[in-house]
Amino acid sequence: MDTGILILRLLVGLLVAGHGVQKISSHLGGRGLEGGTEEFRADGFRGGVLTALAAGGGQIGSGLLLAAGLLTPLAATGAIGVMTVALTVKWRHGLWVQNDGYEYPLVLIGTAAALAATGPGAWSLDAVLGLTPYPLWWAALALAAGLGSGLLTRLVLHRRTAAVPHATAPGGH
């Protein structure tokens, strides 16, 4: 069981962290901080550079903590929070990722919640430091705090704008 949890932690934690790196740099296929800022503005968020830095930093920090199995409930809370914001952006497209839907953020939210519930396993920094096992109520707290912080971020930072029809190309319909 510990091997499976280690593989899951490394996979999800490093993917979440890599997603954050893309938001703030040109590494891993990112478009730099300017590109991350543009992405948030295009998705209707205010805050510009600060929003991109906060999201990218949150993803990097929570992802690396998850991968290391360190402060697992806190790491899960961070990952759930940033992926909840991503889910709200993708929501209007439906579930499936081929339609730019929220499938991927939902899987990451569920996996982070599951890691908070199972704990990071024996091969983790939490275990080395004697922080495990975490009581199960930590998982519920991580899920509630993560979902709540993500929804609050959306509420506070997302601009409310009237729907603007998309322009068509010259000669198009």
C-alpha atoms as a PDB file:
ATOM      1  CA  MET A   1       0.000   0.000   0.000  1.00  0.00           C
ATOM      2  CA  ASP A   2       2.802   2.441   0.825  1.00  0.00           C
ATOM      3  CA  THR A   3       4.289   1.990  -2.657  1.00  0.00           C
ATOM      4  CA  GLY A   4       0.975   2.874  -4.295  1.00  0.00           C
ATOM      5  CA  ILE A   5       0.528   5.952  -2.125  1.00  0.00           C
ATOM      6  CA  LEU A   6       4.108   7.035  -2.887  1.00  0.00           C
ATOM      7  CA  ILE A   7       3.508   6.707  -6.652  1.00  0.00           C
ATOM      8  CA  LEU A   8       0.214   8.608  -6.375  1.00  0.00           C
ATOM      9  CA  ARG A   9       1.786  11.374  -4.263  1.00  0.00           C
ATOM     10  CA  LEU A  10       4.704  11.808  -6.636  1.00  0.00           C
ATOM     11  CA  LEU A  11       2.533  11.793  -9.764  1.00  0.00           C
ATOM     12  CA  VAL A  12      -0.110  14.211  -8.521  1.00  0.00           C
ATOM     13  CA  GLY A  13       2.213  16.406  -6.485  1.00  0.00           C
ATOM     14  CA  LEU A  14       4.702  16.898  -9.294  1.00  0.00           C
ATOM     15  CA  LEU A  15       1.943  17.522 -11.861  1.00  0.00           C
ATOM     16  CA  VAL A  16       0.340  20.175  -9.636  1.00  0.00           C
ATOM     17  CA  ALA A  17       3.749  21.775  -9.015  1.00  0.00           C
ATOM     18  CA  GLY A  18       4.593  21.654 -12.737  1.00  0.00           C
ATOM     19  CA  HIS A  19       1.294  23.335 -13.534  1.00  0.00           C
ATOM     20  CA  GLY A  20       2.321  26.144 -11.186  1.00  0.00           C
ATOM     21  CA  VAL A  21       5.747  26.445 -12.811  1.00  0.00           C
ATOM     22  CA  GLN A  22       4.000  26.938 -16.161  1.00  0.00           C
ATOM     23  CA  LYS A  23       1.964  29.826 -14.699  1.00  0.00           C
ATOM     24  CA  ILE A  24       4.991  31.886 -13.695  1.00  0.00           C
ATOM     25  CA  SER A  25       7.878  30.852 -15.938  1.00  0.00           C
ATOM     26  CA  SER A  26       8.810  29.661 -19.388  1.00  0.00           C
ATOM     27  CA  HIS A  27       9.828  26.243 -18.035  1.00  0.00           C
ATOM     28  CA  LEU A  28       7.795  23.111 -18.767  1.00  0.00           C
ATOM     29  CA  GLY A  29       6.108  24.788 -21.716  1.00  0.00           C
ATOM     30  CA  GLY A  30       4.917  27.826 -19.770  1.00  0.00           C
ATOM     31  CA  ARG A  31       4.561  31.242 -21.356  1.00  0.00           C
ATOM     32  CA  GLY A  32       6.281  33.097 -18.535  1.00  0.00           C
ATOM     33  CA  LEU A  33       4.735  35.315 -15.900  1.00  0.00           C
ATOM     34  CA  GLU A  34       3.344  37.539 -18.637  1.00  0.00           C
ATOM     35  CA  GLY A  35       1.592  34.558 -20.216  1.00  0.00           C
ATOM     36  CA  GLY A  36       0.217  33.437 -16.845  1.00  0.00           C
ATOM     37  CA  THR A  37      -1.058  36.938 -16.188  1.00  0.00           C
ATOM     38  CA  GLU A  38      -2.700  37.014 -19.635  1.00  0.00           C
ATOM     39  CA  GLU A  39      -4.343  33.658 -18.993  1.00  0.00           C
ATOM     40  CA  PHE A  40      -5.951  34.873 -15.762  1.00  0.00           C
ATOM     41  CA  ARG A  41      -7.121  38.090 -17.359  1.00  0.00           C
ATOM     42  CA  ALA A  42      -8.595  36.160 -20.301  1.00  0.00           C
ATOM     43  CA  ASP A  43     -10.441  33.959 -17.805  1.00  0.00           C
ATOM     44  CA  GLY A  44     -11.947  37.088 -16.226  1.00  0.00           C
ATOM     45  CA  PHE A  45      -9.775  37.438 -13.128  1.00  0.00           C
ATOM     46  CA  ARG A  46      -8.445  40.702 -11.779  1.00  0.00           C
ATOM     47  CA  GLY A  47      -5.097  41.085 -10.062  1.00  0.00           C
ATOM     48  CA  GLY A  48      -2.773  40.511 -12.993  1.00  0.00           C
ATOM     49  CA  VAL A  49       0.745  39.552 -11.983  1.00  0.00           C
ATOM     50  CA  LEU A  50      -0.137  39.097  -8.319  1.00  0.00           C
ATOM     51  CA  THR A  51      -2.920  36.648  -9.180  1.00  0.00           C
ATOM     52  CA  ALA A  52      -0.607  34.623 -11.433  1.00  0.00           C
ATOM     53  CA  LEU A  53       2.132  34.590  -8.770  1.00  0.00           C
ATOM     54  CA  ALA A  54      -0.284  33.539  -6.028  1.00  0.00           C
ATOM     55  CA  ALA A  55      -1.799  30.752  -8.144  1.00  0.00           C
ATOM     56  CA  GLY A  56       1.556  29.539  -9.442  1.00  0.00           C
ATOM     57  CA  GLY A  57       3.165  29.721  -6.015  1.00  0.00           C
ATOM     58  CA  GLY A  58       0.228  27.911  -4.443  1.00  0.00           C
ATOM     59  CA  GLN A  59       0.431  25.146  -7.013  1.00  0.00           C
ATOM     60  CA  ILE A  60       4.204  24.795  -6.697  1.00  0.00           C
ATOM     61  CA  GLY A  61       4.139  24.797  -2.899  1.00  0.00           C
ATOM     62  CA  SER A  62       1.195  22.454  -2.427  1.00  0.00           C
ATOM     63  CA  GLY A  63       2.416  20.140  -5.185  1.00  0.00           C
ATOM     64  CA  LEU A  64       5.914  19.810  -3.744  1.00  0.00           C
ATOM     65  CA  LEU A  65       4.529  19.259  -0.242  1.00  0.00           C
ATOM     66  CA  LEU A  66       2.203  16.532  -1.576  1.00  0.00           C
ATOM     67  CA  ALA A  67       5.042  14.879  -3.488  1.00  0.00           C
ATOM     68  CA  ALA A  68       7.247  14.886  -0.382  1.00  0.00           C
ATOM     69  CA  GLY A  69       4.419  13.766   1.887  1.00  0.00           C
ATOM     70  CA  LEU A  70       5.046  16.733   4.161  1.00  0.00           C
ATOM     71  CA  LEU A  71       2.207  18.418   6.046  1.00  0.00           C
ATOM     72  CA  THR A  72      -0.130  16.365   3.882  1.00  0.00           C
ATOM     73  CA  PRO A  73      -3.464  17.884   5.027  1.00  0.00           C
ATOM     74  CA  LEU A  74      -2.121  21.405   4.388  1.00  0.00           C
ATOM     75  CA  ALA A  75      -0.693  20.337   1.009  1.00  0.00           C
ATOM     76  CA  ALA A  76      -4.028  18.764   0.065  1.00  0.00           C
ATOM     77  CA  THR A  77      -5.871  21.931   1.113  1.00  0.00           C
ATOM     78  CA  GLY A  78      -3.670  24.042  -1.178  1.00  0.00           C
ATOM     79  CA  ALA A  79      -4.017  21.698  -4.132  1.00  0.00           C
ATOM     80  CA  ILE A  80      -7.779  21.438  -3.656  1.00  0.00           C
ATOM     81  CA  GLY A  81      -8.037  25.238  -3.446  1.00  0.00           C
ATOM     82  CA  VAL A  82      -6.159  26.050  -6.649  1.00  0.00           C
ATOM     83  CA  MET A  83      -7.815  23.223  -8.560  1.00  0.00           C
ATOM     84  CA  THR A  84     -11.247  24.398  -7.379  1.00  0.00           C
ATOM     85  CA  VAL A  85     -10.531  27.750  -9.006  1.00  0.00           C
ATOM     86  CA  ALA A  86      -9.504  25.913 -12.197  1.00  0.00           C
ATOM     87  CA  LEU A  87     -12.697  23.849 -12.026  1.00  0.00           C
ATOM     88  CA  THR A  88     -14.814  27.015 -11.842  1.00  0.00           C
ATOM     89  CA  VAL A  89     -13.116  28.333 -14.985  1.00  0.00           C
ATOM     90  CA  LYS A  90     -13.745  25.096 -16.882  1.00  0.00           C
ATOM     91  CA  TRP A  91     -17.266  24.475 -15.487  1.00  0.00           C
ATOM     92  CA  ARG A  92     -19.145  26.067 -18.392  1.00  0.00           C
ATOM     93  CA  HIS A  93     -17.528  23.607 -20.814  1.00  0.00           C
ATOM     94  CA  GLY A  94     -18.900  20.538 -19.022  1.00  0.00           C
ATOM     95  CA  LEU A  95     -17.041  17.589 -17.550  1.00  0.00           C
ATOM     96  CA  TRP A  96     -14.871  16.213 -20.321  1.00  0.00           C
ATOM     97  CA  VAL A  97     -11.389  17.557 -20.970  1.00  0.00           C
ATOM     98  CA  GLN A  98     -11.656  17.199 -24.765  1.00  0.00           C
ATOM     99  CA  ASN A  99     -14.234  20.000 -24.563  1.00  0.00           C
ATOM    100  CA  ASP A 100     -11.950  22.041 -22.244  1.00  0.00           C
ATOM    101  CA  GLY A 101     -14.022  20.759 -19.329  1.00  0.00           C
ATOM    102  CA  TYR A 102     -13.256  20.346 -15.643  1.00  0.00           C
ATOM    103  CA  GLU A 103     -12.377  16.632 -15.667  1.00  0.00           C
ATOM    104  CA  TYR A 104      -8.656  17.168 -14.883  1.00  0.00           C
ATOM    105  CA  PRO A 105      -9.102  19.634 -11.996  1.00  0.00           C
ATOM    106  CA  LEU A 106     -11.784  17.340 -10.541  1.00  0.00           C
ATOM    107  CA  VAL A 107      -9.421  14.339 -10.626  1.00  0.00           C
ATOM    108  CA  LEU A 108      -6.718  16.377  -8.870  1.00  0.00           C
ATOM    109  CA  ILE A 109      -9.204  17.595  -6.230  1.00  0.00           C
ATOM    110  CA  GLY A 110     -10.368  14.033  -5.595  1.00  0.00           C
ATOM    111  CA  THR A 111      -6.836  12.674  -5.442  1.00  0.00           C
ATOM    112  CA  ALA A 112      -5.670  15.370  -3.022  1.00  0.00           C
ATOM    113  CA  ALA A 113      -8.698  14.672  -0.817  1.00  0.00           C
ATOM    114  CA  ALA A 114      -7.965  10.933  -0.945  1.00  0.00           C
ATOM    115  CA  LEU A 115      -4.340  11.542   0.061  1.00  0.00           C
ATOM    116  CA  ALA A 116      -5.529  13.653   2.988  1.00  0.00           C
ATOM    117  CA  ALA A 117      -7.818  10.764   3.998  1.00  0.00           C
ATOM    118  CA  THR A 118      -5.290   7.936   3.613  1.00  0.00           C
ATOM    119  CA  GLY A 119      -2.261   9.881   4.769  1.00  0.00           C
ATOM    120  CA  PRO A 120       1.040  10.080   2.906  1.00  0.00           C
ATOM    121  CA  GLY A 121       2.206   6.539   3.665  1.00  0.00           C
ATOM    122  CA  ALA A 122       5.325   5.241   5.384  1.00  0.00           C
ATOM    123  CA  TRP A 123       7.677   6.641   2.735  1.00  0.00           C
ATOM    124  CA  SER A 124       7.003  10.282   3.455  1.00  0.00           C
ATOM    125  CA  LEU A 125       8.506  13.164   5.371  1.00  0.00           C
ATOM    126  CA  ASP A 126       5.410  13.212   7.596  1.00  0.00           C
ATOM    127  CA  ALA A 127       6.228   9.638   8.672  1.00  0.00           C
ATOM    128  CA  VAL A 128       9.926  10.421   9.174  1.00  0.00           C
ATOM    129  CA  LEU A 129       8.996  13.415  11.356  1.00  0.00           C
ATOM    130  CA  GLY A 130       6.431  11.389  13.315  1.00  0.00           C
ATOM    131  CA  LEU A 131       3.467  13.470  12.154  1.00  0.00           C
ATOM    132  CA  THR A 132       1.375  10.506  11.004  1.00  0.00           C
ATOM    133  CA  PRO A 133      -1.176   9.141  11.250  1.00  0.00           C
ATOM    134  CA  TYR A 134      -3.383  12.194  10.855  1.00  0.00           C
ATOM    135  CA  PRO A 135      -6.879  11.876  12.290  1.00  0.00           C
ATOM    136  CA  LEU A 136      -9.538  11.373   9.605  1.00  0.00           C
ATOM    137  CA  TRP A 137     -11.187  14.691  10.463  1.00  0.00           C
ATOM    138  CA  TRP A 138      -8.130  16.396   8.900  1.00  0.00           C
ATOM    139  CA  ALA A 139      -9.271  15.079   5.506  1.00  0.00           C
ATOM    140  CA  ALA A 140     -12.719  16.619   5.940  1.00  0.00           C
ATOM    141  CA  LEU A 141     -11.128  19.888   7.065  1.00  0.00           C
ATOM    142  CA  ALA A 142      -8.713  19.860   4.087  1.00  0.00           C
ATOM    143  CA  LEU A 143     -11.580  19.271   1.641  1.00  0.00           C
ATOM    144  CA  ALA A 144     -13.820  21.937   3.183  1.00  0.00           C
ATOM    145  CA  ALA A 145     -11.037  24.522   3.488  1.00  0.00           C
ATOM    146  CA  GLY A 146      -9.732  23.797  -0.016  1.00  0.00           C
ATOM    147  CA  LEU A 147     -13.142  24.011  -1.675  1.00  0.00           C
ATOM    148  CA  GLY A 148     -14.054  27.062   0.395  1.00  0.00           C
ATOM    149  CA  SER A 149     -10.825  28.926  -0.366  1.00  0.00           C
ATOM    150  CA  GLY A 150     -11.110  28.157  -4.079  1.00  0.00           C
ATOM    151  CA  LEU A 151     -14.715  29.344  -4.255  1.00  0.00           C
ATOM    152  CA  LEU A 152     -13.898  32.442  -2.204  1.00  0.00           C
ATOM    153  CA  THR A 153     -10.985  33.228  -4.520  1.00  0.00           C
ATOM    154  CA  ARG A 154     -13.314  32.940  -7.495  1.00  0.00           C
ATOM    155  CA  LEU A 155     -15.883  35.174  -5.822  1.00  0.00           C
ATOM    156  CA  VAL A 156     -13.374  37.868  -4.833  1.00  0.00           C
ATOM    157  CA  LEU A 157     -11.090  37.940  -7.867  1.00  0.00           C
ATOM    158  CA  HIS A 158     -13.376  37.176 -10.795  1.00  0.00           C
ATOM    159  CA  ARG A 159     -14.769  40.184 -12.635  1.00  0.00           C
ATOM    160  CA  ARG A 160     -18.454  40.244 -13.255  1.00  0.00           C
ATOM    161  CA  THR A 161     -18.881  41.277 -16.846  1.00  0.00           C
ATOM    162  CA  ALA A 162     -21.778  41.251 -19.230  1.00  0.00           C
ATOM    163  CA  ALA A 163     -21.639  38.582 -21.879  1.00  0.00           C
ATOM    164  CA  VAL A 164     -19.940  39.936 -24.958  1.00  0.00           C
ATOM    165  CA  PRO A 165     -20.669  38.188 -28.243  1.00  0.00           C
ATOM    166  CA  HIS A 166     -17.596  36.856 -29.976  1.00  0.00           C
ATOM    167  CA  ALA A 167     -16.599  38.800 -33.074  1.00  0.00           C
ATOM    168  CA  THR A 168     -16.638  36.871 -36.277  1.00  0.00           C
ATOM    169  CA  ALA A 169     -13.870  36.959 -38.802  1.00  0.00           C
ATOM    170  CA  PRO A 170     -14.379  39.369 -41.727  1.00  0.00           C
ATOM    171  CA  GLY A 171     -16.783  37.786 -44.144  1.00  0.00           C
ATOM    172  CA  GLY A 172     -17.716  35.100 -41.580  1.00  0.00           C
ATOM    173  CA  HIS A 173     -21.053  34.412 -39.929  1.00  0.00           C
END
